[in-house]
Full PDB file with SEQRES, HELIX, SHEET, SSBOND, CRYST1, ORIGX, SCALE, CONECT and MASTER records, all heavy atoms in Angstrom:
SEQRES   1 A   36  ARG SER LEU ALA GLY LEU THR GLY VAL GLU GLU GLY THR          
SEQRES   2 A   36  PRO VAL ALA GLU VAL GLU ALA LEU ALA ALA ALA TYR ARG          
SEQRES   3 A   36  TRP TYR SER PHE GLY THR ASP SER GLY TRP                      
HELIX    1 AA1 SER A    2  THR A    7  1                                   6    
HELIX    2 AA2 VAL A   15  ALA A   24  1                                  10    
CRYST1    1.000    1.000    1.000  90.00  90.00  90.00 P 1           1          
ORIGX1      1.000000  0.000000  0.000000        0.00000                         
ORIGX2      0.000000  1.000000  0.000000        0.00000                         
ORIGX3      0.000000  0.000000  1.000000        0.00000                         
SCALE1      1.000000  0.000000  0.000000        0.00000                         
SCALE2      0.000000  1.000000  0.000000        0.00000                         
SCALE3      0.000000  0.000000  1.000000        0.00000                         
ATOM      1  N   ARG A   1      -5.834  -5.246  -8.131  1.00  0.00           N  
ATOM      2  CA  ARG A   1      -6.505  -5.778  -9.316  1.00  0.00           C  
ATOM      3  C   ARG A   1      -5.478  -6.455 -10.241  1.00  0.00           C  
ATOM      4  O   ARG A   1      -5.771  -7.505 -10.821  1.00  0.00           O  
ATOM      5  CB  ARG A   1      -7.249  -4.674 -10.048  1.00  0.00           C  
ATOM      6  CG  ARG A   1      -8.515  -4.269  -9.346  1.00  0.00           C  
ATOM      7  CD  ARG A   1      -9.242  -3.168 -10.075  1.00  0.00           C  
ATOM      8  NE  ARG A   1     -10.517  -2.921  -9.453  1.00  0.00           N  
ATOM      9  CZ  ARG A   1     -11.236  -1.828  -9.668  1.00  0.00           C  
ATOM     10  NH1 ARG A   1     -10.801  -0.875 -10.502  1.00  0.00           N  
ATOM     11  NH2 ARG A   1     -12.401  -1.658  -9.049  1.00  0.00           N  
ATOM     12  N   SER A   2      -4.356  -5.869 -10.373  1.00  0.00           N  
ATOM     13  CA  SER A   2      -3.284  -6.449 -11.220  1.00  0.00           C  
ATOM     14  C   SER A   2      -2.794  -7.762 -10.618  1.00  0.00           C  
ATOM     15  O   SER A   2      -2.628  -8.759 -11.353  1.00  0.00           O  
ATOM     16  CB  SER A   2      -2.114  -5.486 -11.396  1.00  0.00           C  
ATOM     17  OG  SER A   2      -2.517  -4.340 -12.094  1.00  0.00           O  
ATOM     18  N   LEU A   3      -2.545  -7.766  -9.314  1.00  0.00           N  
ATOM     19  CA  LEU A   3      -2.094  -8.981  -8.663  1.00  0.00           C  
ATOM     20  C   LEU A   3      -3.145 -10.059  -8.766  1.00  0.00           C  
ATOM     21  O   LEU A   3      -2.835 -11.238  -9.052  1.00  0.00           O  
ATOM     22  CB  LEU A   3      -1.804  -8.678  -7.169  1.00  0.00           C  
ATOM     23  CG  LEU A   3      -0.961  -9.694  -6.433  1.00  0.00           C  
ATOM     24  CD1 LEU A   3       0.448  -9.782  -7.003  1.00  0.00           C  
ATOM     25  CD2 LEU A   3      -0.873  -9.341  -4.973  1.00  0.00           C  
ATOM     26  N   ALA A   4      -4.405  -9.706  -8.591  1.00  0.00           N  
ATOM     27  CA  ALA A   4      -5.513 -10.670  -8.728  1.00  0.00           C  
ATOM     28  C   ALA A   4      -5.560 -11.219 -10.153  1.00  0.00           C  
ATOM     29  O   ALA A   4      -5.744 -12.410 -10.365  1.00  0.00           O  
ATOM     30  CB  ALA A   4      -6.828 -10.026  -8.335  1.00  0.00           C  
ATOM     31  N   GLY A   5      -5.425 -10.337 -11.125  1.00  0.00           N  
ATOM     32  CA  GLY A   5      -5.427 -10.777 -12.503  1.00  0.00           C  
ATOM     33  C   GLY A   5      -4.277 -11.744 -12.836  1.00  0.00           C  
ATOM     34  O   GLY A   5      -4.473 -12.735 -13.524  1.00  0.00           O  
ATOM     35  N   LEU A   6      -3.109 -11.473 -12.315  1.00  0.00           N  
ATOM     36  CA  LEU A   6      -1.974 -12.362 -12.539  1.00  0.00           C  
ATOM     37  C   LEU A   6      -2.167 -13.716 -11.892  1.00  0.00           C  
ATOM     38  O   LEU A   6      -1.661 -14.721 -12.387  1.00  0.00           O  
ATOM     39  CB  LEU A   6      -0.716 -11.709 -12.008  1.00  0.00           C  
ATOM     40  CG  LEU A   6      -0.168 -10.565 -12.872  1.00  0.00           C  
ATOM     41  CD1 LEU A   6       0.881  -9.757 -12.107  1.00  0.00           C  
ATOM     42  CD2 LEU A   6       0.435 -11.085 -14.164  1.00  0.00           C  
ATOM     43  N   THR A   7      -2.918 -13.793 -10.805  1.00  0.00           N  
ATOM     44  CA  THR A   7      -3.201 -15.078 -10.168  1.00  0.00           C  
ATOM     45  C   THR A   7      -4.444 -15.757 -10.732  1.00  0.00           C  
ATOM     46  O   THR A   7      -4.763 -16.897 -10.367  1.00  0.00           O  
ATOM     47  CB  THR A   7      -3.324 -14.943  -8.652  1.00  0.00           C  
ATOM     48  OG1 THR A   7      -4.390 -14.038  -8.334  1.00  0.00           O  
ATOM     49  CG2 THR A   7      -2.015 -14.490  -8.025  1.00  0.00           C  
ATOM     50  N   GLY A   8      -5.192 -15.058 -11.588  1.00  0.00           N  
ATOM     51  CA  GLY A   8      -6.315 -15.646 -12.275  1.00  0.00           C  
ATOM     52  C   GLY A   8      -7.604 -15.750 -11.484  1.00  0.00           C  
ATOM     53  O   GLY A   8      -8.508 -16.477 -11.867  1.00  0.00           O  
ATOM     54  N   VAL A   9      -7.721 -15.033 -10.378  1.00  0.00           N  
ATOM     55  CA  VAL A   9      -8.978 -15.082  -9.625  1.00  0.00           C  
ATOM     56  C   VAL A   9     -10.024 -14.202 -10.247  1.00  0.00           C  
ATOM     57  O   VAL A   9      -9.724 -13.295 -11.029  1.00  0.00           O  
ATOM     58  CB  VAL A   9      -8.753 -14.690  -8.139  1.00  0.00           C  
ATOM     59  CG1 VAL A   9      -7.785 -15.628  -7.467  1.00  0.00           C  
ATOM     60  CG2 VAL A   9      -8.315 -13.238  -7.994  1.00  0.00           C  
ATOM     61  N   GLU A  10     -11.267 -14.441  -9.915  1.00  0.00           N  
ATOM     62  CA  GLU A  10     -12.365 -13.658 -10.445  1.00  0.00           C  
ATOM     63  C   GLU A  10     -12.415 -12.286  -9.793  1.00  0.00           C  
ATOM     64  O   GLU A  10     -12.017 -12.128  -8.641  1.00  0.00           O  
ATOM     65  CB  GLU A  10     -13.686 -14.378 -10.251  1.00  0.00           C  
ATOM     66  CG  GLU A  10     -13.781 -15.664 -11.055  1.00  0.00           C  
ATOM     67  CD  GLU A  10     -15.136 -16.290 -10.943  1.00  0.00           C  
ATOM     68  OE1 GLU A  10     -16.130 -15.616 -10.652  1.00  0.00           O  
ATOM     69  OE2 GLU A  10     -15.209 -17.503 -11.221  1.00  0.00           O  
ATOM     70  N   GLU A  11     -12.981 -11.311 -10.489  1.00  0.00           N  
ATOM     71  CA  GLU A  11     -13.160  -9.991  -9.934  1.00  0.00           C  
ATOM     72  C   GLU A  11     -14.011 -10.077  -8.697  1.00  0.00           C  
ATOM     73  O   GLU A  11     -14.985 -10.849  -8.651  1.00  0.00           O  
ATOM     74  CB  GLU A  11     -13.854  -9.084 -10.968  1.00  0.00           C  
ATOM     75  CG  GLU A  11     -13.914  -7.654 -10.559  1.00  0.00           C  
ATOM     76  CD  GLU A  11     -14.442  -6.760 -11.645  1.00  0.00           C  
ATOM     77  OE1 GLU A  11     -14.383  -7.114 -12.847  1.00  0.00           O  
ATOM     78  OE2 GLU A  11     -14.957  -5.676 -11.313  1.00  0.00           O  
ATOM     79  N   GLY A  12     -13.649  -9.341  -7.689  1.00  0.00           N  
ATOM     80  CA  GLY A  12     -14.389  -9.317  -6.445  1.00  0.00           C  
ATOM     81  C   GLY A  12     -13.904 -10.340  -5.419  1.00  0.00           C  
ATOM     82  O   GLY A  12     -14.453 -10.432  -4.307  1.00  0.00           O  
ATOM     83  N   THR A  13     -12.869 -11.104  -5.750  1.00  0.00           N  
ATOM     84  CA  THR A  13     -12.312 -12.054  -4.793  1.00  0.00           C  
ATOM     85  C   THR A  13     -11.743 -11.251  -3.595  1.00  0.00           C  
ATOM     86  O   THR A  13     -11.058 -10.249  -3.792  1.00  0.00           O  
ATOM     87  CB  THR A  13     -11.197 -12.901  -5.429  1.00  0.00           C  
ATOM     88  OG1 THR A  13     -11.772 -13.640  -6.524  1.00  0.00           O  
ATOM     89  CG2 THR A  13     -10.550 -13.849  -4.443  1.00  0.00           C  
ATOM     90  N   PRO A  14     -12.009 -11.660  -2.376  1.00  0.00           N  
ATOM     91  CA  PRO A  14     -11.511 -10.910  -1.219  1.00  0.00           C  
ATOM     92  C   PRO A  14      -9.994 -10.816  -1.200  1.00  0.00           C  
ATOM     93  O   PRO A  14      -9.282 -11.736  -1.646  1.00  0.00           O  
ATOM     94  CB  PRO A  14     -12.009 -11.755  -0.024  1.00  0.00           C  
ATOM     95  CG  PRO A  14     -13.194 -12.490  -0.545  1.00  0.00           C  
ATOM     96  CD  PRO A  14     -12.868 -12.760  -1.981  1.00  0.00           C  
ATOM     97  N   VAL A  15      -9.519  -9.707  -0.687  1.00  0.00           N  
ATOM     98  CA  VAL A  15      -8.076  -9.434  -0.676  1.00  0.00           C  
ATOM     99  C   VAL A  15      -7.301 -10.535   0.026  1.00  0.00           C  
ATOM    100  O   VAL A  15      -6.247 -10.937  -0.413  1.00  0.00           O  
ATOM    101  CB  VAL A  15      -7.822  -8.035  -0.006  1.00  0.00           C  
ATOM    102  CG1 VAL A  15      -6.339  -7.844   0.273  1.00  0.00           C  
ATOM    103  CG2 VAL A  15      -8.367  -6.928  -0.873  1.00  0.00           C  
ATOM    104  N   ALA A  16      -7.832 -11.070   1.118  1.00  0.00           N  
ATOM    105  CA  ALA A  16      -7.133 -12.128   1.851  1.00  0.00           C  
ATOM    106  C   ALA A  16      -6.923 -13.366   0.983  1.00  0.00           C  
ATOM    107  O   ALA A  16      -5.881 -14.026   1.061  1.00  0.00           O  
ATOM    108  CB  ALA A  16      -7.895 -12.504   3.118  1.00  0.00           C  
ATOM    109  N   GLU A  17      -7.886 -13.697   0.138  1.00  0.00           N  
ATOM    110  CA  GLU A  17      -7.753 -14.833  -0.763  1.00  0.00           C  
ATOM    111  C   GLU A  17      -6.709 -14.550  -1.845  1.00  0.00           C  
ATOM    112  O   GLU A  17      -5.921 -15.446  -2.180  1.00  0.00           O  
ATOM    113  CB  GLU A  17      -9.095 -15.175  -1.402  1.00  0.00           C  
ATOM    114  CG  GLU A  17     -10.076 -15.833  -0.460  1.00  0.00           C  
ATOM    115  CD  GLU A  17     -11.371 -16.205  -1.152  1.00  0.00           C  
ATOM    116  OE1 GLU A  17     -11.339 -16.644  -2.333  1.00  0.00           O  
ATOM    117  OE2 GLU A  17     -12.444 -16.016  -0.541  1.00  0.00           O  
ATOM    118  N   VAL A  18      -6.726 -13.352  -2.383  1.00  0.00           N  
ATOM    119  CA  VAL A  18      -5.731 -12.962  -3.380  1.00  0.00           C  
ATOM    120  C   VAL A  18      -4.339 -13.051  -2.753  1.00  0.00           C  
ATOM    121  O   VAL A  18      -3.395 -13.596  -3.342  1.00  0.00           O  
ATOM    122  CB  VAL A  18      -5.979 -11.560  -3.950  1.00  0.00           C  
ATOM    123  CG1 VAL A  18      -4.844 -11.120  -4.847  1.00  0.00           C  
ATOM    124  CG2 VAL A  18      -7.313 -11.496  -4.661  1.00  0.00           C  
ATOM    125  N   GLU A  19      -4.195 -12.553  -1.533  1.00  0.00           N  
ATOM    126  CA  GLU A  19      -2.920 -12.564  -0.858  1.00  0.00           C  
ATOM    127  C   GLU A  19      -2.415 -13.982  -0.625  1.00  0.00           C  
ATOM    128  O   GLU A  19      -1.247 -14.290  -0.855  1.00  0.00           O  
ATOM    129  CB  GLU A  19      -3.035 -11.824   0.467  1.00  0.00           C  
ATOM    130  CG  GLU A  19      -1.734 -11.702   1.225  1.00  0.00           C  
ATOM    131  CD  GLU A  19      -1.881 -10.925   2.523  1.00  0.00           C  
ATOM    132  OE1 GLU A  19      -3.008 -10.806   3.055  1.00  0.00           O  
ATOM    133  OE2 GLU A  19      -0.850 -10.447   3.010  1.00  0.00           O  
ATOM    134  N   ALA A  20      -3.303 -14.867  -0.190  1.00  0.00           N  
ATOM    135  CA  ALA A  20      -2.909 -16.262   0.060  1.00  0.00           C  
ATOM    136  C   ALA A  20      -2.499 -16.973  -1.229  1.00  0.00           C  
ATOM    137  O   ALA A  20      -1.517 -17.695  -1.266  1.00  0.00           O  
ATOM    138  CB  ALA A  20      -4.068 -17.005   0.733  1.00  0.00           C  
ATOM    139  N   LEU A  21      -3.254 -16.728  -2.297  1.00  0.00           N  
ATOM    140  CA  LEU A  21      -2.908 -17.340  -3.593  1.00  0.00           C  
ATOM    141  C   LEU A  21      -1.600 -16.772  -4.120  1.00  0.00           C  
ATOM    142  O   LEU A  21      -0.756 -17.528  -4.614  1.00  0.00           O  
ATOM    143  CB  LEU A  21      -4.029 -17.128  -4.579  1.00  0.00           C  
ATOM    144  CG  LEU A  21      -3.902 -17.881  -5.915  1.00  0.00           C  
ATOM    145  CD1 LEU A  21      -3.707 -19.374  -5.696  1.00  0.00           C  
ATOM    146  CD2 LEU A  21      -5.095 -17.612  -6.789  1.00  0.00           C  
ATOM    147  N   ALA A  22      -1.430 -15.477  -3.996  1.00  0.00           N  
ATOM    148  CA  ALA A  22      -0.180 -14.854  -4.472  1.00  0.00           C  
ATOM    149  C   ALA A  22       1.021 -15.442  -3.736  1.00  0.00           C  
ATOM    150  O   ALA A  22       2.083 -15.628  -4.310  1.00  0.00           O  
ATOM    151  CB  ALA A  22      -0.226 -13.343  -4.254  1.00  0.00           C  
ATOM    152  N   ALA A  23       0.858 -15.746  -2.460  1.00  0.00           N  
ATOM    153  CA  ALA A  23       1.950 -16.326  -1.677  1.00  0.00           C  
ATOM    154  C   ALA A  23       2.293 -17.729  -2.165  1.00  0.00           C  
ATOM    155  O   ALA A  23       3.462 -18.164  -2.066  1.00  0.00           O  
ATOM    156  CB  ALA A  23       1.575 -16.362  -0.190  1.00  0.00           C  
ATOM    157  N   ALA A  24       1.369 -18.422  -2.753  1.00  0.00           N  
ATOM    158  CA  ALA A  24       1.577 -19.789  -3.252  1.00  0.00           C  
ATOM    159  C   ALA A  24       2.197 -19.803  -4.648  1.00  0.00           C  
ATOM    160  O   ALA A  24       2.802 -20.799  -5.035  1.00  0.00           O  
ATOM    161  CB  ALA A  24       0.266 -20.572  -3.238  1.00  0.00           C  
ATOM    162  N   TYR A  25       2.034 -18.737  -5.392  1.00  0.00           N  
ATOM    163  CA  TYR A  25       2.592 -18.647  -6.731  1.00  0.00           C  
ATOM    164  C   TYR A  25       4.109 -18.503  -6.690  1.00  0.00           C  
ATOM    165  O   TYR A  25       4.653 -18.059  -5.699  1.00  0.00           O  
ATOM    166  CB  TYR A  25       1.998 -17.436  -7.468  1.00  0.00           C  
ATOM    167  CG  TYR A  25       0.823 -17.771  -8.356  1.00  0.00           C  
ATOM    168  CD1 TYR A  25      -0.362 -18.245  -7.827  1.00  0.00           C  
ATOM    169  CD2 TYR A  25       0.883 -17.576  -9.719  1.00  0.00           C  
ATOM    170  CE1 TYR A  25      -1.446 -18.549  -8.643  1.00  0.00           C  
ATOM    171  CE2 TYR A  25      -0.181 -17.862 -10.549  1.00  0.00           C  
ATOM    172  CZ  TYR A  25      -1.346 -18.350  -9.992  1.00  0.00           C  
ATOM    173  OH  TYR A  25      -2.399 -18.627 -10.823  1.00  0.00           O  
ATOM    174  N   ARG A  26       4.752 -18.832  -7.801  1.00  0.00           N  
ATOM    175  CA  ARG A  26       6.173 -18.513  -7.998  1.00  0.00           C  
ATOM    176  C   ARG A  26       6.252 -17.280  -8.896  1.00  0.00           C  
ATOM    177  O   ARG A  26       5.581 -17.245  -9.956  1.00  0.00           O  
ATOM    178  CB  ARG A  26       6.904 -19.703  -8.639  1.00  0.00           C  
ATOM    179  CG  ARG A  26       7.115 -20.824  -7.603  1.00  0.00           C  
ATOM    180  CD  ARG A  26       7.691 -22.005  -8.264  1.00  0.00           C  
ATOM    181  NE  ARG A  26       6.590 -22.702  -8.928  1.00  0.00           N  
ATOM    182  CZ  ARG A  26       6.709 -23.798  -9.636  1.00  0.00           C  
ATOM    183  NH1 ARG A  26       7.867 -24.346  -9.798  1.00  0.00           N  
ATOM    184  NH2 ARG A  26       5.655 -24.367 -10.216  1.00  0.00           N  
ATOM    185  N   TRP A  27       7.006 -16.307  -8.481  1.00  0.00           N  
ATOM    186  CA  TRP A  27       7.065 -15.020  -9.158  1.00  0.00           C  
ATOM    187  C   TRP A  27       8.456 -14.757  -9.700  1.00  0.00           C  
ATOM    188  O   TRP A  27       9.447 -15.121  -9.075  1.00  0.00           O  
ATOM    189  CB  TRP A  27       6.711 -13.891  -8.168  1.00  0.00           C  
ATOM    190  CG  TRP A  27       5.294 -14.010  -7.691  1.00  0.00           C  
ATOM    191  CD1 TRP A  27       4.889 -14.657  -6.559  1.00  0.00           C  
ATOM    192  CD2 TRP A  27       4.148 -13.479  -8.306  1.00  0.00           C  
ATOM    193  NE1 TRP A  27       3.514 -14.545  -6.442  1.00  0.00           N  
ATOM    194  CE2 TRP A  27       3.025 -13.837  -7.503  1.00  0.00           C  
ATOM    195  CE3 TRP A  27       3.904 -12.771  -9.474  1.00  0.00           C  
ATOM    196  CZ2 TRP A  27       1.719 -13.496  -7.806  1.00  0.00           C  
ATOM    197  CZ3 TRP A  27       2.610 -12.405  -9.796  1.00  0.00           C  
ATOM    198  CH2 TRP A  27       1.529 -12.774  -8.961  1.00  0.00           C  
ATOM    199  N   TYR A  28       8.480 -14.152 -10.859  1.00  0.00           N  
ATOM    200  CA  TYR A  28       9.763 -13.819 -11.527  1.00  0.00           C  
ATOM    201  C   TYR A  28       9.666 -12.447 -12.145  1.00  0.00           C  
ATOM    202  O   TYR A  28       8.596 -12.025 -12.597  1.00  0.00           O  
ATOM    203  CB  TYR A  28      10.066 -14.815 -12.637  1.00  0.00           C  
ATOM    204  CG  TYR A  28      10.128 -16.245 -12.195  1.00  0.00           C  
ATOM    205  CD1 TYR A  28       8.991 -17.032 -12.161  1.00  0.00           C  
ATOM    206  CD2 TYR A  28      11.316 -16.817 -11.819  1.00  0.00           C  
ATOM    207  CE1 TYR A  28       9.042 -18.349 -11.730  1.00  0.00           C  
ATOM    208  CE2 TYR A  28      11.392 -18.116 -11.382  1.00  0.00           C  
ATOM    209  CZ  TYR A  28      10.241 -18.900 -11.359  1.00  0.00           C  
ATOM    210  OH  TYR A  28      10.297 -20.205 -10.949  1.00  0.00           O  
ATOM    211  N   SER A  29      10.778 -11.794 -12.192  1.00  0.00           N  
ATOM    212  CA  SER A  29      10.889 -10.595 -13.075  1.00  0.00           C  
ATOM    213  C   SER A  29      11.795 -11.063 -14.245  1.00  0.00           C  
ATOM    214  O   SER A  29      12.551 -12.027 -14.102  1.00  0.00           O  
ATOM    215  CB  SER A  29      11.498  -9.423 -12.311  1.00  0.00           C  
ATOM    216  OG  SER A  29      12.812  -9.712 -11.869  1.00  0.00           O  
ATOM    217  N   PHE A  30      11.642 -10.402 -15.356  1.00  0.00           N  
ATOM    218  CA  PHE A  30      12.471 -10.803 -16.487  1.00  0.00           C  
ATOM    219  C   PHE A  30      12.962  -9.604 -17.288  1.00  0.00           C  
ATOM    220  O   PHE A  30      12.427  -8.528 -17.196  1.00  0.00           O  
ATOM    221  CB  PHE A  30      11.752 -11.827 -17.377  1.00  0.00           C  
ATOM    222  CG  PHE A  30      10.620 -11.329 -18.175  1.00  0.00           C  
ATOM    223  CD1 PHE A  30      10.796 -10.884 -19.509  1.00  0.00           C  
ATOM    224  CD2 PHE A  30       9.331 -11.239 -17.659  1.00  0.00           C  
ATOM    225  CE1 PHE A  30       9.736 -10.432 -20.246  1.00  0.00           C  
ATOM    226  CE2 PHE A  30       8.263 -10.779 -18.417  1.00  0.00           C  
ATOM    227  CZ  PHE A  30       8.460 -10.359 -19.676  1.00  0.00           C  
ATOM    228  N   GLY A  31      13.980  -9.845 -18.067  1.00  0.00           N  
ATOM    229  CA  GLY A  31      14.519  -8.851 -18.962  1.00  0.00           C  
ATOM    230  C   GLY A  31      14.892  -9.483 -20.280  1.00  0.00           C  
ATOM    231  O   GLY A  31      15.090 -10.693 -20.359  1.00  0.00           O  
ATOM    232  N   THR A  32      14.952  -8.665 -21.313  1.00  0.00           N  
ATOM    233  CA  THR A  32      15.339  -9.207 -22.643  1.00  0.00           C  
ATOM    234  C   THR A  32      16.290  -8.234 -23.311  1.00  0.00           C  
ATOM    235  O   THR A  32      16.415  -7.060 -22.918  1.00  0.00           O  
ATOM    236  CB  THR A  32      14.099  -9.367 -23.559  1.00  0.00           C  
ATOM    237  OG1 THR A  32      13.666  -8.076 -24.005  1.00  0.00           O  
ATOM    238  CG2 THR A  32      12.979 -10.084 -22.862  1.00  0.00           C  
ATOM    239  N   ASP A  33      16.905  -8.701 -24.361  1.00  0.00           N  
ATOM    240  CA  ASP A  33      17.735  -7.828 -25.205  1.00  0.00           C  
ATOM    241  C   ASP A  33      16.990  -7.493 -26.507  1.00  0.00           C  
ATOM    242  O   ASP A  33      17.619  -7.142 -27.488  1.00  0.00           O  
ATOM    243  CB  ASP A  33      19.074  -8.501 -25.460  1.00  0.00           C  
ATOM    244  CG  ASP A  33      18.958  -9.799 -26.260  1.00  0.00           C  
ATOM    245  OD1 ASP A  33      17.802 -10.244 -26.493  1.00  0.00           O  
ATOM    246  OD2 ASP A  33      19.995 -10.358 -26.619  1.00  0.00           O  
ATOM    247  N   SER A  34      15.683  -7.594 -26.501  1.00  0.00           N  
ATOM    248  CA  SER A  34      14.898  -7.440 -27.741  1.00  0.00           C  
ATOM    249  C   SER A  34      14.772  -6.018 -28.236  1.00  0.00           C  
ATOM    250  O   SER A  34      14.382  -5.809 -29.381  1.00  0.00           O  
ATOM    251  CB  SER A  34      13.481  -8.018 -27.516  1.00  0.00           C  
ATOM    252  OG  SER A  34      12.765  -7.199 -26.644  1.00  0.00           O  
ATOM    253  N   GLY A  35      15.026  -5.058 -27.366  1.00  0.00           N  
ATOM    254  CA  GLY A  35      14.820  -3.649 -27.726  1.00  0.00           C  
ATOM    255  C   GLY A  35      13.384  -3.174 -27.452  1.00  0.00           C  
ATOM    256  O   GLY A  35      13.093  -1.991 -27.612  1.00  0.00           O  
ATOM    257  N   TRP A  36      12.509  -4.054 -27.020  1.00  0.00           N  
ATOM    258  CA  TRP A  36      11.144  -3.668 -26.719  1.00  0.00           C  
ATOM    259  C   TRP A  36      11.074  -2.805 -25.451  1.00  0.00           C  
ATOM    260  O   TRP A  36      10.351  -1.851 -25.397  1.00  0.00           O  
ATOM    261  CB  TRP A  36      10.269  -4.937 -26.538  1.00  0.00           C  
ATOM    262  CG  TRP A  36       8.812  -4.704 -26.504  1.00  0.00           C  
ATOM    263  CD1 TRP A  36       7.968  -4.605 -27.570  1.00  0.00           C  
ATOM    264  CD2 TRP A  36       7.979  -4.562 -25.359  1.00  0.00           C  
ATOM    265  NE1 TRP A  36       6.675  -4.388 -27.151  1.00  0.00           N  
ATOM    266  CE2 TRP A  36       6.645  -4.360 -25.781  1.00  0.00           C  
ATOM    267  CE3 TRP A  36       8.225  -4.586 -23.959  1.00  0.00           C  
ATOM    268  CZ2 TRP A  36       5.580  -4.210 -24.937  1.00  0.00           C  
ATOM    269  CZ3 TRP A  36       7.158  -4.418 -23.093  1.00  0.00           C  
ATOM    270  CH2 TRP A  36       5.859  -4.254 -23.564  1.00  0.00           C  
TER     271      TRP A  36                                                      
MASTER        0    0    0    2    0    0    0    6  270    1    0    3          
END                                                                             
């Protein structure tokens, strides 16, 4: 559900579609010095 939300698909989208879209996205992790 989190992965689907990050890719912007609607609830109930089949897992295979979420997986294919996730593969097409560019993903990053990030860090800050903000103290948050």
